Amino acid sequence: MGGLEDSERPTKRVKVASRESGGLLNGISPTEPASCSLSNSMAQSLAFQADEVVGSKRVAKKVEFVQIISEALYSLGYKRSGACLQEESGIPLHSSVVKSFLQQILNGKWDESVASLQKIGVVDKTIIKLASFLIFQQKFFELLDGDNVMGALKTLRTEIAPLYVNHDQVRELSSHILSRSQQNLAGISGQQIVRMKSRSELLEELQKLLPPSVMIPEKRLVNLVEQALDLQLVACRFHNSLVGEISLFTDHQCGRDRIPSQTLQILEEHNDEVWFLQFSHDGKYLASSSADCSVIIWEVKEDGQVLLKDQFSGHQKPVSYISWSPDSSQILTCGLEEVVRQWDVASGECVHVYEKDGVGLISCGWSPDGQSIFSGVTDQSISMWSLDGKEVKSWKGEKTIKIPDIGITTDGKQIISVCKDNMISLFRHESNTEELIEEDQDITSFVLSRDNKYLLVSLLNQEIHLWYISGHPRCVAKFKGHKRLRFVVRSCFGGLDQAFIASGSEDSQVYIWHKSSGELVQTLCGHSGTVNSVSWNPVNPHMLASASDDRTIRIWGLNSVNLKQNGSVSNGIHYCNGRGKSL
């Protein structure tokens, strides 16, 4: 082969009321607080419990632990249970000063609430000023909403402006005064002018601003549980399933059966070595290219079977690279130092041929909007083309070498290419600036992650390096085990959230590593020749495809999958010459 819950905005003259948000108000109510029947409960003093800890690790403070449980109960709407827990434990959710402050906000006692800010334990004066600004702003809007323009003006001049906080917002508040005055003179209702928060929404903002030691963050217990689950998922070497399958009752651990490792289909339509393959962005198609100069489009059916849809001919040389359009309706194919062809998947027609006199094209990629394409050229330049074939721009110099890989970031601002044998260029074409990644070994191929944060670089020394390129580029992981001595073998990201790395190999196997840990989690046997390219379905984390010198494509799925054929259970392996027949 070849190298949270929102209320309606209050309108004019509508009474401002708090929402039914148990978590945020934490039992504080403008009417009666929730009560508990355990009036004679064995409550211990808060001071006595201050130094107590819970759990075998003895790192969680008992007072804080009880408080976040209370907050969780209120968040879930269990106000009586939250109140009972506070009474029985003797541990209040809020101090009396904070509780008074919350009630003042709900009752609209703005001046009293600002005074309470000085007593609730906030040391940072900047936070006090910002919180005061939010409170007085709410006061301003409610006065204006009640047509008390002079009262609102006084608040703006004597209470808001002297804080010297957010000058742009102060000017915007002034414009509300002018607009309301003009409408009042014209006799027009000002109902739609003031976009005023409810008081519970104000409490939400204050809660985010004030330190956790003053007001416990909303849904803190839920957040802690989610963090613990996230850590378990990261630690799980085989996690490749939806989060809905996770239970709180047991520690999470997947088995190897979550990784596609069984051959479900063998596709035999190419007449020579299969060099490249790639799933479409929507996961509905698979495109493959071969040394036989052809390109085949395979359709992924709803039941997971893969059938031949169309075969494209036209290249005079082996097809070394394929790129899907952003909407998965078209593909670009690149012949080996030849031309780039644009194909319509639905009709099977070649829409356009991109070529340049005296040179060959070696790579191809789409702009994010699908309105232009990029290609590497054998003279080491990179060209940008309009869809009608006009070369819009060319960047000369050492921008690319004869490696048919190119990456375009989703914002369209960065072109990634191999510019020297051991160097990758991160070229920002709008600003004409460049950042370089240098390896110690020659580079054979690379691929950009879906989120544009990582670059997977295959090297001559049988290593694959993972580079983090969001910010200053740095190598964060290395993957070893596969074999590469003579040919180009490609790697890819894949699985749920692209948590895995897969690669072809010259020993006829597919290698799969866990991206975060670097652990080799699976090797897939079945091909009888070098595995040149692999592609993981971006929509179905349980489908992987591999292309080989043995002229076949293998579709890999879960071990637990058994396809039924002719009414009987098959061994899960199906040969297909692709002519649209049922498998």
Protein backbone atom coordinates (compact mmCIF):
# COMPACT_ATOMS: atom_id res chain seq x y z
CA MET A 1 0.00 0.00 0.00
CA GLY A 2 1.00 3.57 0.06
CA GLY A 3 3.13 5.47 2.18
CA LEU A 4 -32.76 25.56 36.77
CA GLU A 5 -36.39 26.43 37.13
CA ASP A 6 -37.40 29.88 35.72
CA SER A 7 -40.45 31.97 36.56
CA GLU A 8 -42.24 34.40 34.28
CA ARG A 9 -40.95 37.92 34.29
CA PRO A 10 -43.21 40.12 36.48
CA THR A 11 -44.95 42.85 34.55
CA LYS A 12 -46.04 46.33 35.54
CA ARG A 13 -48.26 46.47 38.68
CA VAL A 14 -47.94 42.73 39.23
CA LYS A 15 -46.97 41.83 42.77
CA VAL A 16 -43.43 40.50 42.97
CA ALA A 17 -43.57 37.09 44.59
CA SER A 18 -41.02 34.44 45.22
CA ARG A 19 -41.02 31.27 43.17
CA GLU A 20 -41.76 27.88 44.64
CA SER A 21 -38.10 27.03 44.78
CA GLY A 22 -37.45 25.00 47.91
CA GLY A 23 -33.76 24.59 47.20
CA LEU A 24 -32.97 28.24 46.80
CA LEU A 25 -35.07 29.61 49.63
CA ASN A 26 -33.99 26.78 51.90
CA GLY A 27 -37.16 26.80 53.96
CA ILE A 28 -37.41 30.61 54.07
CA SER A 29 -40.92 31.59 53.11
CA PRO A 30 -42.73 34.96 52.88
CA THR A 31 -45.57 33.27 54.77
CA GLU A 32 -44.89 30.55 57.35
CA PRO A 33 -41.74 28.50 57.57
CA ALA A 34 -41.98 24.76 57.40
CA SER A 35 -42.40 23.22 60.84
CA CYS A 36 -41.44 19.92 62.40
CA SER A 37 -43.32 17.89 65.00
CA LEU A 38 -40.11 16.97 66.81
CA SER A 39 -40.28 19.96 69.18
CA ASN A 40 -38.58 17.95 71.93
CA SER A 41 -35.95 16.39 69.72
CA MET A 42 -32.57 15.59 71.10
CA ALA A 43 -30.88 18.62 69.56
CA GLN A 44 -27.25 19.12 70.30
CA SER A 45 -25.60 22.51 70.29
CA LEU A 46 -23.89 23.58 67.10
CA ALA A 47 -20.75 24.56 68.97
CA PHE A 48 -20.44 21.07 70.50
CA GLN A 49 -20.50 19.46 67.05
CA ALA A 50 -18.22 21.92 65.27
CA ASP A 51 -15.16 19.66 65.29
CA GLU A 52 -16.92 16.34 64.61
CA VAL A 53 -16.22 14.47 61.39
CA VAL A 54 -18.02 11.68 59.54
CA GLY A 55 -16.87 8.84 57.30
CA SER A 56 -14.01 6.41 57.41
CA LYS A 57 -11.61 8.93 55.88
CA ARG A 58 -12.50 11.44 58.62
CA VAL A 59 -12.26 14.39 56.29
CA ALA A 60 -15.93 15.50 56.08
CA LYS A 61 -17.08 17.89 58.79
CA LYS A 62 -20.34 16.74 60.37
CA VAL A 63 -21.86 20.25 60.49
CA GLU A 64 -21.22 20.88 56.79
CA PHE A 65 -22.40 17.39 55.88
CA VAL A 66 -25.73 17.86 57.69
CA GLN A 67 -26.14 21.33 56.18
CA ILE A 68 -25.77 20.14 52.60
CA ILE A 69 -28.23 17.31 53.29
CA SER A 70 -30.70 19.92 54.60
CA GLU A 71 -30.14 22.02 51.50
CA ALA A 72 -30.71 18.97 49.29
CA LEU A 73 -34.01 18.21 51.04
CA TYR A 74 -35.21 21.76 50.44
CA SER A 75 -34.03 21.59 46.82
CA LEU A 76 -36.15 18.48 46.31
CA GLY A 77 -39.14 20.22 47.86
CA TYR A 78 -39.06 18.27 51.16
CA LYS A 79 -39.35 21.36 53.37
CA ARG A 80 -40.75 19.62 56.46
CA SER A 81 -38.02 17.01 56.31
CA GLY A 82 -35.40 19.73 55.99
CA ALA A 83 -36.84 21.56 58.99
CA CYS A 84 -36.98 18.32 61.03
CA LEU A 85 -33.34 17.57 60.24
CA GLN A 86 -32.28 21.00 61.46
CA GLU A 87 -34.25 20.64 64.68
CA GLU A 88 -33.15 17.10 65.46
CA SER A 89 -29.49 17.69 64.63
CA GLY A 90 -29.28 21.10 66.23
CA ILE A 91 -27.49 22.27 63.09
CA PRO A 92 -29.22 25.17 61.32
CA LEU A 93 -28.91 25.52 57.57
CA HIS A 94 -28.26 29.25 57.92
CA SER A 95 -27.20 31.47 60.77
CA SER A 96 -29.92 33.71 62.22
CA VAL A 97 -28.37 36.75 60.50
CA VAL A 98 -28.35 35.07 57.09
CA LYS A 99 -31.90 33.81 57.61
CA SER A 100 -32.99 37.35 58.44
CA PHE A 101 -31.18 38.63 55.32
CA LEU A 102 -32.99 36.15 53.07
CA GLN A 103 -36.35 37.09 54.56
CA GLN A 104 -35.62 40.80 54.05
CA ILE A 105 -34.93 40.17 50.36
CA LEU A 106 -38.17 38.24 49.94
CA ASN A 107 -40.13 40.98 51.74
CA GLY A 108 -38.51 43.75 49.72
CA LYS A 109 -36.89 45.42 52.70
CA TRP A 110 -33.97 46.63 50.64
CA ASP A 111 -32.28 49.06 53.04
CA GLU A 112 -32.46 46.54 55.89
CA SER A 113 -31.01 43.79 53.69
CA VAL A 114 -28.06 45.97 52.65
CA ALA A 115 -27.41 46.70 56.32
CA SER A 116 -27.51 42.96 57.07
CA LEU A 117 -24.84 42.39 54.43
CA GLN A 118 -22.34 43.97 56.81
CA LYS A 119 -23.16 41.40 59.50
CA ILE A 120 -23.37 38.05 57.72
CA GLY A 121 -19.66 37.37 57.64
CA VAL A 122 -18.53 38.63 54.23
CA VAL A 123 -15.00 39.94 54.55
CA ASP A 124 -14.41 40.99 50.94
CA LYS A 125 -15.62 44.58 50.55
CA THR A 126 -15.87 44.19 46.79
CA ILE A 127 -18.40 41.39 47.20
CA ILE A 128 -20.41 43.56 49.61
CA LYS A 129 -20.48 46.37 47.04
CA LEU A 130 -21.51 44.04 44.22
CA ALA A 131 -24.26 42.47 46.35
CA SER A 132 -25.47 45.95 47.39
CA PHE A 133 -25.58 46.92 43.72
CA LEU A 134 -27.80 43.95 42.88
CA ILE A 135 -30.16 44.71 45.79
CA PHE A 136 -30.47 48.43 44.98
CA GLN A 137 -30.94 47.60 41.29
CA GLN A 138 -33.91 45.39 42.23
CA LYS A 139 -35.23 48.22 44.40
CA PHE A 140 -34.83 50.60 41.42
CA PHE A 141 -36.77 48.36 39.05
CA GLU A 142 -39.61 47.72 41.50
CA LEU A 143 -40.00 51.46 42.14
CA LEU A 144 -40.02 52.12 38.41
CA ASP A 145 -42.47 49.30 37.83
CA GLY A 146 -44.78 50.95 40.38
CA ASP A 147 -44.52 54.25 38.45
CA ASN A 148 -42.50 55.82 41.25
CA VAL A 149 -40.08 57.46 38.85
CA MET A 150 -38.77 59.97 41.40
CA GLY A 151 -38.15 57.23 43.93
CA ALA A 152 -36.26 55.22 41.32
CA LEU A 153 -34.23 58.28 40.35
CA LYS A 154 -33.31 58.92 43.98
CA THR A 155 -32.19 55.31 44.41
CA LEU A 156 -30.08 55.59 41.27
CA ARG A 157 -28.40 58.82 42.34
CA THR A 158 -27.96 58.28 46.08
CA GLU A 159 -27.61 54.52 46.46
CA ILE A 160 -26.50 52.91 43.19
CA ALA A 161 -24.15 55.49 41.63
CA PRO A 162 -22.06 56.06 44.80
CA LEU A 163 -21.09 52.37 44.79
CA TYR A 164 -19.00 52.98 41.64
CA VAL A 165 -19.88 49.53 40.35
CA ASN A 166 -20.63 48.67 36.71
CA HIS A 167 -20.76 52.11 35.12
CA ASP A 168 -22.28 50.74 31.89
CA GLN A 169 -25.16 49.24 33.84
CA VAL A 170 -25.72 52.56 35.65
CA ARG A 171 -26.03 54.30 32.29
CA GLU A 172 -28.51 51.65 31.15
CA LEU A 173 -30.57 52.19 34.30
CA SER A 174 -30.59 55.93 33.54
CA SER A 175 -31.99 55.18 30.09
CA HIS A 176 -34.90 53.36 31.74
CA ILE A 177 -35.71 56.57 33.65
CA LEU A 178 -35.71 58.60 30.41
CA SER A 179 -37.79 56.04 28.52
CA ARG A 180 -40.37 55.81 31.28
CA SER A 181 -40.63 59.62 31.51
CA GLN A 182 -41.14 59.94 27.75
CA GLN A 183 -43.82 57.25 27.72
CA ASN A 184 -45.60 58.77 30.69
CA LEU A 185 -45.71 62.13 28.85
CA ALA A 186 -47.13 60.38 25.77
CA GLY A 187 -49.68 58.45 27.85
CA ILE A 188 -48.23 55.10 26.81
CA SER A 189 -48.09 52.17 29.20
CA GLY A 190 -44.57 51.25 30.24
CA GLN A 191 -45.42 47.61 30.81
CA GLN A 192 -42.85 46.24 28.36
CA ILE A 193 -39.92 48.50 29.22
CA VAL A 194 -38.71 47.18 32.53
CA ARG A 195 -37.21 43.71 32.43
CA MET A 196 -37.34 43.00 36.14
CA LYS A 197 -36.23 39.91 37.98
CA SER A 198 -38.35 38.21 40.59
CA ARG A 199 -36.99 38.37 44.15
CA SER A 200 -36.16 34.68 44.12
CA GLU A 201 -34.10 35.27 40.99
CA LEU A 202 -32.30 38.02 42.86
CA LEU A 203 -31.56 35.51 45.61
CA GLU A 204 -30.08 33.18 43.01
CA GLU A 205 -27.66 35.86 41.88
CA LEU A 206 -26.73 36.72 45.45
CA GLN A 207 -26.19 33.06 46.24
CA LYS A 208 -23.69 32.75 43.40
CA LEU A 209 -21.91 35.91 44.55
CA LEU A 210 -21.69 35.32 48.29
CA PRO A 211 -19.11 32.89 49.72
CA PRO A 212 -20.22 29.26 50.38
CA SER A 213 -19.51 29.78 54.09
CA VAL A 214 -22.32 32.35 54.11
CA MET A 215 -24.81 30.73 51.75
CA ILE A 216 -24.45 27.08 50.81
CA PRO A 217 -24.37 26.73 47.01
CA GLU A 218 -27.61 25.47 45.55
CA LYS A 219 -27.77 21.72 44.93
CA ARG A 220 -24.35 21.23 46.47
CA LEU A 221 -24.98 17.60 47.39
CA VAL A 222 -26.14 16.78 43.88
CA ASN A 223 -23.02 18.43 42.47
CA LEU A 224 -20.80 16.40 44.79
CA VAL A 225 -22.50 13.18 43.70
CA GLU A 226 -22.08 14.12 40.04
CA GLN A 227 -18.40 14.84 40.61
CA ALA A 228 -17.95 11.43 42.22
CA LEU A 229 -19.68 9.77 39.26
CA ASP A 230 -17.54 11.69 36.80
CA LEU A 231 -14.40 10.48 38.57
CA GLN A 232 -15.66 6.90 38.41
CA LEU A 233 -16.34 7.28 34.68
CA VAL A 234 -12.87 8.67 34.05
CA ALA A 235 -11.33 5.83 36.04
CA CYS A 236 -13.35 3.19 34.15
CA ARG A 237 -11.15 1.87 31.36
CA PHE A 238 -14.04 0.39 29.39
CA HIS A 239 -16.78 3.00 29.81
CA ASN A 240 -18.48 3.29 26.46
CA SER A 241 -22.20 3.50 27.32
CA LEU A 242 -24.75 6.19 28.02
CA VAL A 243 -24.77 7.83 31.44
CA GLY A 244 -28.37 6.66 31.93
CA GLU A 245 -27.03 3.20 32.65
CA ILE A 246 -25.14 4.38 35.78
CA SER A 247 -26.59 3.59 39.22
CA LEU A 248 -25.91 5.35 42.54
CA PHE A 249 -26.24 2.05 44.40
CA THR A 250 -22.93 0.59 43.23
CA ASP A 251 -19.54 1.85 42.16
CA HIS A 252 -19.42 2.12 38.39
CA GLN A 253 -17.34 -0.36 36.44
CA CYS A 254 -17.83 -1.46 32.84
CA GLY A 255 -16.46 -4.65 31.33
CA ARG A 256 -14.62 -5.25 28.08
CA ASP A 257 -17.93 -6.16 26.46
CA ARG A 258 -18.60 -2.41 26.07
CA ILE A 259 -15.82 -2.14 23.48
CA PRO A 260 -16.60 -3.20 19.89
CA SER A 261 -14.48 -6.34 19.48
CA GLN A 262 -16.55 -8.82 17.47
CA THR A 263 -16.57 -8.86 13.68
CA LEU A 264 -20.18 -8.36 12.61
CA GLN A 265 -19.58 -7.90 8.88
CA ILE A 266 -16.81 -8.29 6.34
CA LEU A 267 -17.22 -6.03 3.31
CA GLU A 268 -15.54 -7.37 0.16
CA GLU A 269 -16.08 -5.03 -2.75
CA HIS A 270 -12.71 -3.38 -3.33
CA ASN A 271 -10.39 -5.10 -5.79
CA ASP A 272 -7.16 -4.01 -4.14
CA GLU A 273 -5.76 -2.87 -0.80
CA VAL A 274 -8.16 -0.62 1.15
CA TRP A 275 -6.15 2.42 2.20
CA PHE A 276 -8.59 4.76 3.92
CA LEU A 277 -12.08 4.86 5.38
CA GLN A 278 -14.15 7.34 7.34
CA PHE A 279 -17.68 7.52 8.75
CA SER A 280 -19.81 10.54 7.90
CA HIS A 281 -20.46 13.10 10.65
CA ASP A 282 -24.03 11.88 11.10
CA GLY A 283 -22.88 8.24 11.26
CA LYS A 284 -25.21 7.19 8.44
CA TYR A 285 -22.53 6.44 5.87
CA LEU A 286 -19.05 5.00 5.61
CA ALA A 287 -16.73 5.98 2.77
CA SER A 288 -13.75 3.82 1.80
CA SER A 289 -10.98 4.25 -0.76
CA SER A 290 -8.54 1.85 -2.28
CA ALA A 291 -5.44 1.26 -4.37
CA ASP A 292 -7.93 0.17 -7.05
CA CYS A 293 -8.59 3.93 -7.58
CA SER A 294 -12.22 3.62 -6.48
CA VAL A 295 -14.28 5.07 -3.67
CA ILE A 296 -17.23 3.23 -2.14
CA ILE A 297 -20.06 4.74 -0.13
CA TRP A 298 -21.61 2.31 2.35
CA GLU A 299 -24.93 3.02 4.06
CA VAL A 300 -25.38 2.24 7.76
CA LYS A 301 -28.92 0.97 8.24
CA GLU A 302 -30.98 1.52 11.40
CA ASP A 303 -30.39 -2.09 12.46
CA GLY A 304 -26.62 -1.54 12.20
CA GLN A 305 -26.09 -3.46 8.98
CA VAL A 306 -23.81 -1.83 6.44
CA LEU A 307 -24.76 -2.04 2.75
CA LEU A 308 -23.13 -0.77 -0.41
CA LYS A 309 -24.79 2.42 -1.64
CA ASP A 310 -22.59 3.57 -4.50
CA GLN A 311 -19.17 3.23 -6.06
CA PHE A 312 -17.29 6.17 -7.53
CA SER A 313 -14.71 5.87 -10.29
CA GLY A 314 -12.71 8.64 -11.93
CA HIS A 315 -9.36 8.87 -10.21
CA GLN A 316 -6.39 7.70 -12.25
CA LYS A 317 -4.30 6.95 -9.17
CA PRO A 318 -4.98 5.21 -5.84
CA VAL A 319 -7.25 7.28 -3.58
CA SER A 320 -5.37 8.17 -0.41
CA TYR A 321 -7.75 10.46 1.49
CA ILE A 322 -11.46 11.22 1.99
CA SER A 323 -13.16 14.17 3.70
CA TRP A 324 -16.88 14.43 4.48
CA SER A 325 -18.73 17.74 4.13
CA PRO A 326 -20.12 19.21 7.39
CA ASP A 327 -23.67 18.15 6.46
CA SER A 328 -22.55 14.66 5.31
CA SER A 329 -24.10 15.18 1.87
CA GLN A 330 -20.86 15.29 -0.11
CA ILE A 331 -17.32 13.98 0.03
CA LEU A 332 -13.94 15.07 -1.23
CA THR A 333 -11.56 12.39 -2.48
CA CYS A 334 -7.88 12.86 -3.17
CA GLY A 335 -5.85 10.73 -5.56
CA LEU A 336 -2.23 10.07 -4.74
CA GLU A 337 -0.59 13.38 -5.74
CA GLU A 338 -3.30 13.79 -8.34
CA VAL A 339 -6.58 15.76 -8.19
CA VAL A 340 -9.35 16.35 -5.65
CA ARG A 341 -12.83 15.27 -6.68
CA GLN A 342 -16.08 16.44 -5.09
CA TRP A 343 -18.94 13.92 -5.08
CA ASP A 344 -22.61 14.21 -4.25
CA VAL A 345 -23.57 11.23 -2.10
CA ALA A 346 -27.26 11.16 -3.03
CA SER A 347 -26.81 11.26 -6.81
CA GLY A 348 -23.37 9.67 -7.04
CA GLU A 349 -22.23 12.38 -9.44
CA CYS A 350 -18.82 14.02 -9.47
CA VAL A 351 -19.73 17.67 -8.86
CA HIS A 352 -16.31 19.17 -9.47
CA VAL A 353 -12.65 18.38 -10.04
CA TYR A 354 -10.03 20.58 -8.35
CA GLU A 355 -6.63 20.59 -10.01
CA LYS A 356 -3.63 22.82 -10.51
CA ASP A 357 -1.31 22.90 -13.50
CA GLY A 358 2.10 21.36 -12.97
CA VAL A 359 1.47 20.12 -9.43
CA GLY A 360 -0.58 17.47 -7.69
CA LEU A 361 -2.95 17.76 -4.77
CA ILE A 362 -2.18 15.61 -1.73
CA SER A 363 -4.87 16.36 0.87
CA CYS A 364 -8.36 17.82 1.15
CA GLY A 365 -10.67 19.26 3.80
CA TRP A 366 -13.84 21.32 4.12
CA SER A 367 -14.40 24.73 5.68
CA PRO A 368 -16.91 24.53 8.58
CA ASP A 369 -19.65 26.22 6.52
CA GLY A 370 -19.10 23.84 3.61
CA GLN A 371 -18.63 26.74 1.18
CA SER A 372 -14.95 26.26 0.43
CA ILE A 373 -12.29 23.58 0.56
CA PHE A 374 -8.61 23.41 1.43
CA SER A 375 -5.97 21.22 -0.13
CA GLY A 376 -2.29 20.56 0.28
CA VAL A 377 -0.20 20.80 -2.87
CA THR A 378 2.97 18.96 -3.89
CA ASP A 379 4.87 22.31 -4.07
CA GLN A 380 4.41 22.50 -0.25
CA SER A 381 1.72 25.19 -0.45
CA ILE A 382 -1.89 25.08 0.78
CA SER A 383 -4.71 26.29 -1.45
CA MET A 384 -8.22 27.45 -0.64
CA TRP A 385 -10.88 26.87 -3.29
CA SER A 386 -14.43 28.04 -3.87
CA LEU A 387 -16.94 25.31 -4.68
CA ASP A 388 -16.91 26.30 -8.35
CA GLY A 389 -13.22 25.40 -8.59
CA LYS A 390 -11.68 28.86 -8.36
CA GLU A 391 -8.52 29.05 -6.29
CA VAL A 392 -9.33 31.81 -3.79
CA LYS A 393 -6.02 31.89 -1.95
CA SER A 394 -2.69 30.13 -1.77
CA TRP A 395 -0.26 30.10 1.14
CA LYS A 396 3.25 29.49 -0.13
CA GLY A 397 6.29 28.16 1.68
CA GLU A 398 6.75 25.09 3.83
CA LYS A 399 3.09 24.60 4.69
CA THR A 400 2.73 20.91 3.88
CA ILE A 401 4.66 17.87 2.70
CA LYS A 402 3.47 14.75 0.91
CA ILE A 403 1.33 13.42 3.76
CA PRO A 404 -2.36 13.32 2.85
CA ASP A 405 -3.64 14.73 6.15
CA ILE A 406 -5.10 18.16 6.79
CA GLY A 407 -7.19 19.48 9.68
CA ILE A 408 -9.53 22.47 9.71
CA THR A 409 -10.79 23.67 13.11
CA THR A 410 -14.54 24.13 13.49
CA ASP A 411 -14.19 27.92 13.66
CA GLY A 412 -12.45 27.79 10.28
CA LYS A 413 -9.55 29.89 11.50
CA GLN A 414 -6.82 27.29 11.77
CA ILE A 415 -5.33 24.94 9.21
CA ILE A 416 -3.31 22.01 10.54
CA SER A 417 -0.79 20.21 8.36
CA VAL A 418 2.54 18.40 8.45
CA CYS A 419 4.98 21.08 7.26
CA LYS A 420 8.23 19.13 7.76
CA ASP A 421 9.03 15.49 8.33
CA ASN A 422 8.84 15.87 12.13
CA MET A 423 6.83 19.07 12.45
CA ILE A 424 3.16 20.06 12.40
CA SER A 425 1.97 23.57 11.57
CA LEU A 426 -0.99 25.15 13.37
CA PHE A 427 -1.58 27.94 10.85
CA ARG A 428 -4.03 30.78 11.59
CA HIS A 429 -4.63 31.90 8.06
CA GLU A 430 -6.64 35.04 8.87
CA SER A 431 -3.81 36.55 10.92
CA ASN A 432 -1.08 34.75 8.99
CA THR A 433 0.47 33.45 12.21
CA GLU A 434 1.79 30.00 12.89
CA GLU A 435 2.56 27.74 15.85
CA LEU A 436 4.65 24.62 15.45
CA ILE A 437 4.59 21.18 17.06
CA GLU A 438 7.93 19.41 16.82
CA GLU A 439 8.41 15.68 17.29
CA ASP A 440 11.66 13.73 17.66
CA GLN A 441 10.57 11.25 14.97
CA ASP A 442 9.12 11.58 11.48
CA ILE A 443 5.35 11.93 11.33
CA THR A 444 3.35 9.47 9.25
CA SER A 445 -0.21 10.72 9.86
CA PHE A 446 -2.36 12.76 12.25
CA VAL A 447 -6.02 13.37 13.08
CA LEU A 448 -7.83 16.23 14.86
CA SER A 449 -10.32 15.50 17.65
CA ARG A 450 -13.95 16.48 17.22
CA ASP A 451 -13.68 19.21 19.91
CA ASN A 452 -10.49 20.59 18.32
CA LYS A 453 -8.61 20.22 21.61
CA TYR A 454 -6.42 17.26 20.73
CA LEU A 455 -4.22 16.10 17.92
CA LEU A 456 -3.34 12.42 17.51
CA VAL A 457 0.03 12.04 15.81
CA SER A 458 1.37 8.71 14.47
CA LEU A 459 5.14 8.44 14.28
CA LEU A 460 7.75 6.42 12.44
CA ASN A 461 9.00 4.81 15.69
CA GLN A 462 5.73 2.93 16.27
CA GLU A 463 4.37 5.43 18.79
CA ILE A 464 1.21 7.53 18.74
CA HIS A 465 1.40 10.85 20.59
CA LEU A 466 -1.59 12.77 21.95
CA TRP A 467 -1.09 16.53 21.84
CA TYR A 468 -3.29 19.02 23.68
CA ILE A 469 -3.52 22.05 21.37
CA SER A 470 -6.14 24.23 23.10
CA GLY A 471 -3.65 26.79 24.36
CA HIS A 472 0.07 26.17 24.33
CA PRO A 473 0.56 22.77 22.62
CA ARG A 474 1.93 19.97 24.78
CA CYS A 475 2.21 16.21 24.48
CA VAL A 476 -0.01 14.65 27.15
CA ALA A 477 0.09 10.91 26.36
CA LYS A 478 1.89 8.26 24.33
CA PHE A 479 0.43 5.01 23.02
CA LYS A 480 2.52 1.97 22.13
CA GLY A 481 2.03 -1.65 21.10
CA HIS A 482 0.99 -1.57 17.48
CA LYS A 483 3.40 -2.42 14.67
CA ARG A 484 4.49 -0.03 11.91
CA LEU A 485 7.66 -0.69 9.94
CA ARG A 486 6.96 -0.02 6.25
CA PHE A 487 3.52 1.44 5.68
CA VAL A 488 1.28 4.28 6.79
CA VAL A 489 -1.12 3.01 9.43
CA ARG A 490 -3.72 5.46 10.65
CA SER A 491 -5.23 6.07 14.06
CA CYS A 492 -8.47 7.71 15.20
CA PHE A 493 -10.40 9.00 18.19
CA GLY A 494 -13.61 7.17 19.07
CA GLY A 495 -16.12 5.74 21.47
CA LEU A 496 -18.37 7.67 23.82
CA ASP A 497 -17.02 11.23 24.10
CA GLN A 498 -14.01 10.07 22.09
CA ALA A 499 -12.61 8.36 25.19
CA PHE A 500 -10.62 5.83 23.17
CA ILE A 501 -7.83 5.73 20.63
CA ALA A 502 -7.80 3.10 17.88
CA SER A 503 -5.08 2.33 15.38
CA GLY A 504 -4.30 -0.01 12.56
CA SER A 505 -1.16 -2.12 12.59
CA GLU A 506 1.10 -4.08 10.27
CA ASP A 507 0.51 -7.27 12.31
CA SER A 508 -3.08 -7.38 10.91
CA GLN A 509 -4.66 -6.28 14.19
CA VAL A 510 -6.57 -3.26 15.47
CA TYR A 511 -5.30 -1.76 18.72
CA ILE A 512 -7.54 0.16 21.15
CA TRP A 513 -6.30 2.26 24.08
CA HIS A 514 -8.12 4.19 26.82
CA LYS A 515 -7.26 7.80 26.04
CA SER A 516 -6.98 9.17 29.61
CA SER A 517 -4.96 6.33 31.12
CA GLY A 518 -3.02 5.21 28.05
CA GLU A 519 -3.87 1.59 28.86
CA LEU A 520 -4.17 -0.86 25.97
CA VAL A 521 -7.66 -2.25 26.49
CA GLN A 522 -8.23 -4.41 23.41
CA THR A 523 -6.62 -5.91 20.32
CA LEU A 524 -8.87 -7.06 17.51
CA CYS A 525 -7.83 -9.99 15.34
CA GLY A 526 -9.35 -11.02 12.02
CA HIS A 527 -7.64 -9.29 9.13
CA SER A 528 -4.98 -11.16 7.15
CA GLY A 529 -3.01 -8.12 6.05
CA THR A 530 -1.86 -4.73 7.35
CA VAL A 531 -4.68 -2.71 8.84
CA ASN A 532 -4.22 0.66 7.18
CA SER A 533 -7.06 2.76 8.54
CA VAL A 534 -9.69 2.71 11.28
CA SER A 535 -12.79 4.83 11.84
CA TRP A 536 -15.18 4.90 14.81
CA ASN A 537 -18.81 5.78 14.13
CA PRO A 538 -19.32 9.25 15.71
CA VAL A 539 -22.96 8.50 16.54
CA ASN A 540 -22.76 4.85 17.56
CA PRO A 541 -19.90 4.24 20.06
CA HIS A 542 -20.33 0.48 19.57
CA MET A 543 -19.42 0.50 15.85
CA LEU A 544 -15.86 0.52 14.56
CA ALA A 545 -14.60 -0.04 11.01
CA SER A 546 -11.16 -1.14 9.82
CA ALA A 547 -9.59 -1.27 6.35
CA SER A 548 -6.83 -3.65 5.33
CA ASP A 549 -4.40 -4.75 2.67
CA ASP A 550 -6.44 -7.96 2.56
CA ARG A 551 -8.92 -5.91 0.46
CA THR A 552 -11.64 -6.09 3.09
CA ILE A 553 -13.37 -3.80 5.54
CA ARG A 554 -14.42 -5.21 8.88
CA ILE A 555 -17.31 -3.82 10.90
CA TRP A 556 -16.77 -4.42 14.61
CA GLY A 557 -19.51 -4.42 17.27
CA LEU A 558 -20.20 -5.65 20.79
CA ASN A 559 -19.63 -9.27 21.75
CA SER A 560 -23.20 -9.48 23.05
CA VAL A 561 -24.63 -8.75 19.60
CA ASN A 562 -25.89 -11.74 17.63
CA LEU A 563 -27.52 -11.00 14.32
CA LYS A 564 -30.37 -13.20 13.18
CA GLN A 565 -30.21 -14.51 9.65
CA ASN A 566 -32.74 -16.73 7.95
CA GLY A 567 -34.54 -17.19 11.26
CA SER A 568 -31.55 -18.66 13.06
CA VAL A 569 -28.87 -17.15 15.24
CA SER A 570 -25.67 -16.65 13.26
CA ASN A 571 -22.11 -16.54 14.45
CA GLY A 572 -22.20 -12.77 14.02
CA ILE A 573 -19.87 -12.71 10.99
CA HIS A 574 -21.33 -11.85 7.59
CA TYR A 575 -19.58 -11.62 4.26
CA CYS A 576 -20.94 -9.02 1.90
CA ASN A 577 -20.07 -8.20 -1.67
CA GLY A 578 -22.14 -5.10 -1.10
CA ARG A 579 -24.73 -5.34 -3.84
CA GLY A 580 -27.48 -4.05 -1.56
CA LYS A 581 -28.58 -7.44 -0.42
CA SER A 582 -29.84 -8.17 3.07
CA LEU A 583 -27.22 -9.45 5.44
